[in-house]
PDB file of N, CA and C in Angstrom:
ATOM      1  N   MET A   1     -20.537 -21.323  10.342  1.00  0.00           N
ATOM      2  CA  MET A   1     -19.355 -20.571   9.861  1.00  0.00           C
ATOM      3  C   MET A   1     -19.395 -20.709   8.380  1.00  0.00           C
ATOM      4  N   ALA A   2     -19.223 -19.547   7.725  1.00  0.00           N
ATOM      5  CA  ALA A   2     -19.211 -19.563   6.325  1.00  0.00           C
ATOM      6  C   ALA A   2     -18.071 -20.373   5.567  1.00  0.00           C
ATOM      7  N   ARG A   3     -18.251 -21.028   4.609  1.00  0.00           N
ATOM      8  CA  ARG A   3     -17.228 -21.812   3.928  1.00  0.00           C
ATOM      9  C   ARG A   3     -16.727 -20.860   2.810  1.00  0.00           C
ATOM     10  N   LEU A   4     -15.367 -20.918   2.802  1.00  0.00           N
ATOM     11  CA  LEU A   4     -14.656 -20.094   1.693  1.00  0.00           C
ATOM     12  C   LEU A   4     -14.909 -20.758   0.318  1.00  0.00           C
ATOM     13  N   LYS A   5     -15.073 -19.855  -0.758  1.00  0.00           N
ATOM     14  CA  LYS A   5     -15.157 -20.397  -2.109  1.00  0.00           C
ATOM     15  C   LYS A   5     -13.881 -20.885  -2.446  1.00  0.00           C
ATOM     16  N   THR A   6     -13.958 -22.060  -3.186  1.00  0.00           N
ATOM     17  CA  THR A   6     -12.634 -22.696  -3.676  1.00  0.00           C
ATOM     18  C   THR A   6     -12.319 -22.078  -5.123  1.00  0.00           C
ATOM     19  N   PHE A   7     -11.121 -21.960  -5.312  1.00  0.00           N
ATOM     20  CA  PHE A   7     -10.633 -21.409  -6.678  1.00  0.00           C
ATOM     21  C   PHE A   7      -9.446 -22.186  -7.096  1.00  0.00           C
ATOM     22  N   SER A   8      -9.108 -22.025  -8.398  1.00  0.00           N
ATOM     23  CA  SER A   8      -7.985 -22.679  -8.978  1.00  0.00           C
ATOM     24  C   SER A   8      -7.001 -21.653  -9.424  1.00  0.00           C
ATOM     25  N   LEU A   9      -5.709 -22.047  -9.461  1.00  0.00           N
ATOM     26  CA  LEU A   9      -4.626 -21.145 -10.052  1.00  0.00           C
ATOM     27  C   LEU A   9      -4.532 -21.467 -11.568  1.00  0.00           C
ATOM     28  N   GLY A  10      -5.305 -22.374 -12.074  1.00  0.00           N
ATOM     29  CA  GLY A  10      -5.270 -22.572 -13.532  1.00  0.00           C
ATOM     30  C   GLY A  10      -4.911 -24.164 -13.820  1.00  0.00           C
ATOM     31  N   SER A  11      -4.412 -24.866 -13.009  1.00  0.00           N
ATOM     32  CA  SER A  11      -4.172 -26.284 -13.190  1.00  0.00           C
ATOM     33  C   SER A  11      -4.067 -26.916 -11.786  1.00  0.00           C
ATOM     34  N   PRO A  12      -4.381 -28.341 -11.922  1.00  0.00           N
ATOM     35  CA  PRO A  12      -4.218 -29.081 -10.457  1.00  0.00           C
ATOM     36  C   PRO A  12      -2.759 -29.064 -10.029  1.00  0.00           C
ATOM     37  N   ALA A  13      -1.740 -28.928 -10.882  1.00  0.00           N
ATOM     38  CA  ALA A  13      -0.379 -28.918 -10.541  1.00  0.00           C
ATOM     39  C   ALA A  13      -0.025 -27.580  -9.773  1.00  0.00           C
ATOM     40  N   ARG A  14      -0.592 -26.491 -10.302  1.00  0.00           N
ATOM     41  CA  ARG A  14      -0.396 -25.255  -9.642  1.00  0.00           C
ATOM     42  C   ARG A  14      -1.092 -25.215  -8.347  1.00  0.00           C
ATOM     43  N   ASP A  15      -2.220 -25.826  -8.297  1.00  0.00           N
ATOM     44  CA  ASP A  15      -2.883 -25.839  -6.988  1.00  0.00           C
ATOM     45  C   ASP A  15      -2.180 -26.544  -5.928  1.00  0.00           C
ATOM     46  N   ALA A  16      -1.725 -27.769  -6.296  1.00  0.00           N
ATOM     47  CA  ALA A  16      -0.968 -28.542  -5.413  1.00  0.00           C
ATOM     48  C   ALA A  16       0.340 -27.878  -4.882  1.00  0.00           C
ATOM     49  N   ARG A  17       0.956 -27.052  -5.774  1.00  0.00           N
ATOM     50  CA  ARG A  17       2.146 -26.319  -5.412  1.00  0.00           C
ATOM     51  C   ARG A  17       1.910 -25.392  -4.447  1.00  0.00           C
ATOM     52  N   ALA A  18       0.767 -24.595  -4.619  1.00  0.00           N
ATOM     53  CA  ALA A  18       0.325 -23.653  -3.748  1.00  0.00           C
ATOM     54  C   ALA A  18      -0.030 -24.053  -2.319  1.00  0.00           C
ATOM     55  N   ARG A  19      -0.773 -25.188  -2.260  1.00  0.00           N
ATOM     56  CA  ARG A  19      -1.062 -25.832  -0.959  1.00  0.00           C
ATOM     57  C   ARG A  19       0.333 -26.282  -0.265  1.00  0.00           C
ATOM     58  N   ALA A  20       1.224 -26.791  -1.099  1.00  0.00           N
ATOM     59  CA  ALA A  20       2.458 -27.312  -0.586  1.00  0.00           C
ATOM     60  C   ALA A  20       3.308 -26.086   0.102  1.00  0.00           C
ATOM     61  N   PHE A  21       3.270 -24.990  -0.635  1.00  0.00           N
ATOM     62  CA  PHE A  21       3.925 -23.729  -0.138  1.00  0.00           C
ATOM     63  C   PHE A  21       3.223 -23.273   1.067  1.00  0.00           C
ATOM     64  N   GLY A  22       2.001 -23.335   1.235  1.00  0.00           N
ATOM     65  CA  GLY A  22       1.202 -22.879   2.344  1.00  0.00           C
ATOM     66  C   GLY A  22       1.579 -23.739   3.484  1.00  0.00           C
ATOM     67  N   ARG A  23       1.459 -25.070   3.361  1.00  0.00           N
ATOM     68  CA  ARG A  23       1.947 -25.967   4.484  1.00  0.00           C
ATOM     69  C   ARG A  23       3.417 -25.663   4.897  1.00  0.00           C
ATOM     70  N   PHE A  24       4.307 -25.457   3.971  1.00  0.00           N
ATOM     71  CA  PHE A  24       5.640 -25.187   4.306  1.00  0.00           C
ATOM     72  C   PHE A  24       5.791 -23.853   5.189  1.00  0.00           C
ATOM     73  N   SER A  25       5.047 -22.871   4.659  1.00  0.00           N
ATOM     74  CA  SER A  25       4.990 -21.600   5.415  1.00  0.00           C
ATOM     75  C   SER A  25       4.560 -21.783   6.921  1.00  0.00           C
ATOM     76  N   GLN A  26       3.457 -22.508   6.973  1.00  0.00           N
ATOM     77  CA  GLN A  26       2.758 -22.807   8.327  1.00  0.00           C
ATOM     78  C   GLN A  26       3.919 -23.582   9.275  1.00  0.00           C
ATOM     79  N   GLY A  27       4.690 -24.570   8.600  1.00  0.00           N
ATOM     80  CA  GLY A  27       5.524 -25.340   9.414  1.00  0.00           C
ATOM     81  C   GLY A  27       6.841 -24.467   9.805  1.00  0.00           C
ATOM     82  N   VAL A  28       7.446 -23.537   8.944  1.00  0.00           N
ATOM     83  CA  VAL A  28       8.526 -22.719   9.314  1.00  0.00           C
ATOM     84  C   VAL A  28       7.899 -21.644  10.333  1.00  0.00           C
ATOM     85  N   ALA A  29       6.687 -21.194  10.198  1.00  0.00           N
ATOM     86  CA  ALA A  29       6.277 -20.219  11.159  1.00  0.00           C
ATOM     87  C   ALA A  29       6.091 -20.895  12.617  1.00  0.00           C
ATOM     88  N   LEU A  30       5.505 -22.052  12.613  1.00  0.00           N
ATOM     89  CA  LEU A  30       5.385 -22.733  13.924  1.00  0.00           C
ATOM     90  C   LEU A  30       6.730 -23.168  14.385  1.00  0.00           C
ATOM     91  N   GLY A  31       7.680 -23.546  13.593  1.00  0.00           N
ATOM     92  CA  GLY A  31       8.982 -23.903  14.088  1.00  0.00           C
ATOM     93  C   GLY A  31       9.754 -22.756  14.738  1.00  0.00           C
ATOM     94  N   ASN A  32       9.546 -21.487  14.102  1.00  0.00           N
ATOM     95  CA  ASN A  32      10.152 -20.371  14.759  1.00  0.00           C
ATOM     96  C   ASN A  32       9.506 -20.046  16.021  1.00  0.00           C
ATOM     97  N   LEU A  33       8.235 -20.274  16.228  1.00  0.00           N
ATOM     98  CA  LEU A  33       7.614 -20.021  17.465  1.00  0.00           C
ATOM     99  C   LEU A  33       8.101 -20.896  18.543  1.00  0.00           C
ATOM    100  N   ALA A  34       8.225 -22.167  18.085  1.00  0.00           N
ATOM    101  CA  ALA A  34       8.729 -23.195  19.088  1.00  0.00           C
ATOM    102  C   ALA A  34      10.160 -22.789  19.580  1.00  0.00           C
ATOM    103  N   LEU A  35      11.034 -22.189  18.674  1.00  0.00           N
ATOM    104  CA  LEU A  35      12.324 -21.930  18.988  1.00  0.00           C
ATOM    105  C   LEU A  35      12.443 -20.753  19.803  1.00  0.00           C
ATOM    106  N   ALA A  36      11.557 -19.773  19.556  1.00  0.00           N
ATOM    107  CA  ALA A  36      11.501 -18.462  20.260  1.00  0.00           C
ATOM    108  C   ALA A  36      10.792 -18.444  21.717  1.00  0.00           C
ATOM    109  N   TYR A  37       9.796 -19.217  21.794  1.00  0.00           N
ATOM    110  CA  TYR A  37       8.843 -19.164  22.933  1.00  0.00           C
ATOM    111  C   TYR A  37       8.773 -20.428  23.579  1.00  0.00           C
ATOM    112  N   ASP A  38       8.440 -20.462  24.950  1.00  0.00           N
ATOM    113  CA  ASP A  38       8.370 -21.793  25.593  1.00  0.00           C
ATOM    114  C   ASP A  38       6.829 -22.287  25.360  1.00  0.00           C
ATOM    115  N   SER A  39       5.885 -21.589  24.992  1.00  0.00           N
ATOM    116  CA  SER A  39       4.526 -21.992  24.669  1.00  0.00           C
ATOM    117  C   SER A  39       3.994 -21.028  23.534  1.00  0.00           C
ATOM    118  N   ALA A  40       2.931 -21.640  22.851  1.00  0.00           N
ATOM    119  CA  ALA A  40       2.420 -20.881  21.612  1.00  0.00           C
ATOM    120  C   ALA A  40       1.105 -21.583  21.282  1.00  0.00           C
ATOM    121  N   SER A  41       0.367 -21.057  20.546  1.00  0.00           N
ATOM    122  CA  SER A  41      -1.002 -21.612  20.059  1.00  0.00           C
ATOM    123  C   SER A  41      -0.754 -22.125  18.666  1.00  0.00           C
ATOM    124  N   VAL A  42      -1.274 -23.164  18.282  1.00  0.00           N
ATOM    125  CA  VAL A  42      -1.317 -23.654  16.969  1.00  0.00           C
ATOM    126  C   VAL A  42      -2.757 -23.406  16.311  1.00  0.00           C
ATOM    127  N   LEU A  43      -2.790 -22.527  15.412  1.00  0.00           N
ATOM    128  CA  LEU A  43      -4.030 -22.246  14.706  1.00  0.00           C
ATOM    129  C   LEU A  43      -4.013 -22.859  13.331  1.00  0.00           C
ATOM    130  N   THR A  44      -5.177 -23.408  12.932  1.00  0.00           N
ATOM    131  CA  THR A  44      -5.348 -24.005  11.553  1.00  0.00           C
ATOM    132  C   THR A  44      -6.394 -23.422  10.787  1.00  0.00           C
ATOM    133  N   GLU A  45      -6.605 -23.759   9.588  1.00  0.00           N
ATOM    134  CA  GLU A  45      -7.669 -23.256   8.789  1.00  0.00           C
ATOM    135  C   GLU A  45      -8.996 -23.720   9.139  1.00  0.00           C
ATOM    136  N   ASN A  46      -9.086 -24.771  10.053  1.00  0.00           N
ATOM    137  CA  ASN A  46     -10.396 -25.274  10.551  1.00  0.00           C
ATOM    138  C   ASN A  46     -10.868 -24.462  11.741  1.00  0.00           C
ATOM    139  N   ASP A  47     -10.081 -23.578  12.369  1.00  0.00           N
ATOM    140  CA  ASP A  47     -10.542 -22.933  13.633  1.00  0.00           C
ATOM    141  C   ASP A  47     -11.464 -21.801  13.198  1.00  0.00           C
ATOM    142  N   ASN A  48     -12.327 -21.457  14.147  1.00  0.00           N
ATOM    143  CA  ASN A  48     -13.317 -20.486  14.041  1.00  0.00           C
ATOM    144  C   ASN A  48     -12.561 -19.105  14.092  1.00  0.00           C
ATOM    145  N   PRO A  49     -12.649 -18.181  13.188  1.00  0.00           N
ATOM    146  CA  PRO A  49     -12.004 -16.870  13.275  1.00  0.00           C
ATOM    147  C   PRO A  49     -12.865 -15.924  14.303  1.00  0.00           C
ATOM    148  N   GLU A  50     -14.054 -16.251  14.469  1.00  0.00           N
ATOM    149  CA  GLU A  50     -14.975 -15.394  15.318  1.00  0.00           C
ATOM    150  C   GLU A  50     -14.870 -15.883  16.772  1.00  0.00           C
ATOM    151  N   ALA A  51     -14.160 -16.937  17.051  1.00  0.00           N
ATOM    152  CA  ALA A  51     -14.101 -17.455  18.465  1.00  0.00           C
ATOM    153  C   ALA A  51     -13.272 -16.483  19.397  1.00  0.00           C
ATOM    154  N   ASP A  52     -13.498 -16.536  20.658  1.00  0.00           N
ATOM    155  CA  ASP A  52     -12.710 -15.746  21.533  1.00  0.00           C
ATOM    156  C   ASP A  52     -11.374 -16.495  21.708  1.00  0.00           C
ATOM    157  N   ALA A  53     -10.302 -15.758  21.370  1.00  0.00           N
ATOM    158  CA  ALA A  53      -9.029 -16.318  21.292  1.00  0.00           C
ATOM    159  C   ALA A  53      -8.583 -16.824  22.515  1.00  0.00           C
ATOM    160  N   ALA A  54      -8.918 -16.021  23.715  1.00  0.00           N
ATOM    161  CA  ALA A  54      -8.456 -16.330  24.996  1.00  0.00           C
ATOM    162  C   ALA A  54      -9.008 -17.665  25.559  1.00  0.00           C
ATOM    163  N   VAL A  55     -10.207 -18.077  25.026  1.00  0.00           N
ATOM    164  CA  VAL A  55     -10.853 -19.281  25.451  1.00  0.00           C
ATOM    165  C   VAL A  55     -10.551 -20.496  24.591  1.00  0.00           C
ATOM    166  N   ASP A  56     -10.524 -20.323  23.265  1.00  0.00           N
ATOM    167  CA  ASP A  56     -10.398 -21.391  22.426  1.00  0.00           C
ATOM    168  C   ASP A  56      -8.966 -21.698  22.033  1.00  0.00           C
ATOM    169  N   CYS A  57      -8.072 -20.876  22.183  1.00  0.00           N
ATOM    170  CA  CYS A  57      -6.629 -21.030  21.729  1.00  0.00           C
ATOM    171  C   CYS A  57      -5.753 -21.432  22.923  1.00  0.00           C
ATOM    172  N   ALA A  58      -5.702 -22.503  23.443  1.00  0.00           N
ATOM    173  CA  ALA A  58      -4.794 -22.792  24.635  1.00  0.00           C
ATOM    174  C   ALA A  58      -3.387 -22.866  24.234  1.00  0.00           C
ATOM    175  N   ALA A  59      -2.568 -22.240  25.146  1.00  0.00           N
ATOM    176  CA  ALA A  59      -1.083 -22.366  24.814  1.00  0.00           C
ATOM    177  C   ALA A  59      -0.658 -23.665  25.099  1.00  0.00           C
ATOM    178  N   LEU A  60       0.243 -24.146  24.005  1.00  0.00           N
ATOM    179  CA  LEU A  60       0.831 -25.615  24.141  1.00  0.00           C
ATOM    180  C   LEU A  60       2.249 -25.240  24.383  1.00  0.00           C
ATOM    181  N   ARG A  61       2.898 -26.380  24.858  1.00  0.00           N
ATOM    182  CA  ARG A  61       4.246 -26.350  25.168  1.00  0.00           C
ATOM    183  C   ARG A  61       5.042 -26.335  23.897  1.00  0.00           C
ATOM    184  N   TYR A  62       6.378 -25.951  23.935  1.00  0.00           N
ATOM    185  CA  TYR A  62       7.158 -25.758  22.602  1.00  0.00           C
ATOM    186  C   TYR A  62       7.232 -27.107  21.971  1.00  0.00           C
ATOM    187  N   ARG A  63       7.454 -28.184  22.697  1.00  0.00           N
ATOM    188  CA  ARG A  63       7.618 -29.413  22.090  1.00  0.00           C
ATOM    189  C   ARG A  63       6.320 -29.922  21.309  1.00  0.00           C
ATOM    190  N   THR A  64       5.101 -29.563  21.614  1.00  0.00           N
ATOM    191  CA  THR A  64       3.879 -29.801  21.038  1.00  0.00           C
ATOM    192  C   THR A  64       3.775 -28.929  19.745  1.00  0.00           C
ATOM    193  N   VAL A  65       4.229 -27.656  19.887  1.00  0.00           N
ATOM    194  CA  VAL A  65       4.269 -26.708  18.732  1.00  0.00           C
ATOM    195  C   VAL A  65       5.247 -27.216  17.652  1.00  0.00           C
ATOM    196  N   LEU A  66       6.456 -27.647  18.123  1.00  0.00           N
ATOM    197  CA  LEU A  66       7.356 -28.150  17.227  1.00  0.00           C
ATOM    198  C   LEU A  66       6.930 -29.473  16.513  1.00  0.00           C
ATOM    199  N   SER A  67       6.240 -30.279  17.156  1.00  0.00           N
ATOM    200  CA  SER A  67       5.648 -31.575  16.465  1.00  0.00           C
ATOM    201  C   SER A  67       4.705 -31.082  15.437  1.00  0.00           C
ATOM    202  N   ALA A  68       3.741 -30.086  15.677  1.00  0.00           N
ATOM    203  CA  ALA A  68       2.864 -29.471  14.656  1.00  0.00           C
ATOM    204  C   ALA A  68       3.801 -28.967  13.545  1.00  0.00           C
ATOM    205  N   ALA A  69       4.709 -28.271  13.754  1.00  0.00           N
ATOM    206  CA  ALA A  69       5.531 -27.617  12.735  1.00  0.00           C
ATOM    207  C   ALA A  69       6.096 -28.794  11.795  1.00  0.00           C
ATOM    208  N   LEU A  70       6.669 -29.797  12.392  1.00  0.00           N
ATOM    209  CA  LEU A  70       7.142 -30.891  11.654  1.00  0.00           C
ATOM    210  C   LEU A  70       6.189 -31.688  10.859  1.00  0.00           C
ATOM    211  N   ALA A  71       4.845 -31.702  11.337  1.00  0.00           N
ATOM    212  CA  ALA A  71       3.791 -32.285  10.737  1.00  0.00           C
ATOM    213  C   ALA A  71       3.409 -31.552   9.573  1.00  0.00           C
ATOM    214  N   TYR A  72       3.424 -30.233   9.533  1.00  0.00           N
ATOM    215  CA  TYR A  72       3.183 -29.236   8.444  1.00  0.00           C
ATOM    216  C   TYR A  72       4.220 -29.426   7.408  1.00  0.00           C
ATOM    217  N   LEU A  73       5.369 -29.580   7.815  1.00  0.00           N
ATOM    218  CA  LEU A  73       6.570 -29.705   6.829  1.00  0.00           C
ATOM    219  C   LEU A  73       6.460 -30.978   6.148  1.00  0.00           C
ATOM    220  N   ASP A  74       6.205 -32.110   6.805  1.00  0.00           N
ATOM    221  CA  ASP A  74       5.941 -33.469   6.244  1.00  0.00           C
ATOM    222  C   ASP A  74       4.860 -33.325   5.260  1.00  0.00           C
ATOM    223  N   SER A  75       3.739 -32.663   5.652  1.00  0.00           N
ATOM    224  CA  SER A  75       2.503 -32.442   4.683  1.00  0.00           C
ATOM    225  C   SER A  75       2.996 -31.654   3.459  1.00  0.00           C
ATOM    226  N   ALA A  76       3.822 -30.830   3.561  1.00  0.00           N
ATOM    227  CA  ALA A  76       4.308 -29.929   2.313  1.00  0.00           C
ATOM    228  C   ALA A  76       5.136 -30.869   1.427  1.00  0.00           C
ATOM    229  N   ILE A  77       5.969 -31.850   2.022  1.00  0.00           N
ATOM    230  CA  ILE A  77       6.835 -32.608   1.146  1.00  0.00           C
ATOM    231  C   ILE A  77       5.819 -33.660   0.523  1.00  0.00           C
ATOM    232  N   ALA A  78       4.861 -34.132   1.161  1.00  0.00           N
ATOM    233  CA  ALA A  78       3.890 -35.235   0.557  1.00  0.00           C
ATOM    234  C   ALA A  78       3.015 -34.558  -0.437  1.00  0.00           C
TER     235      ALA A  78
END
């Protein structure tokens, strides 16, 4: 799998703010999935985008998805 090039937004503080906002967005999105559906898949930046989604992305129960959402929100705070 090809590795994405890293880039900077100008300073380490801006980079950290962008990463925190990304984690916050992931947490909110997964939280909404857990509220709306009884199962969903949790995809991360480490997943292979070329993999077969039906095979590699198992549906998780809403409590597991909600736990992942809370972990992303905690990561955004940290």
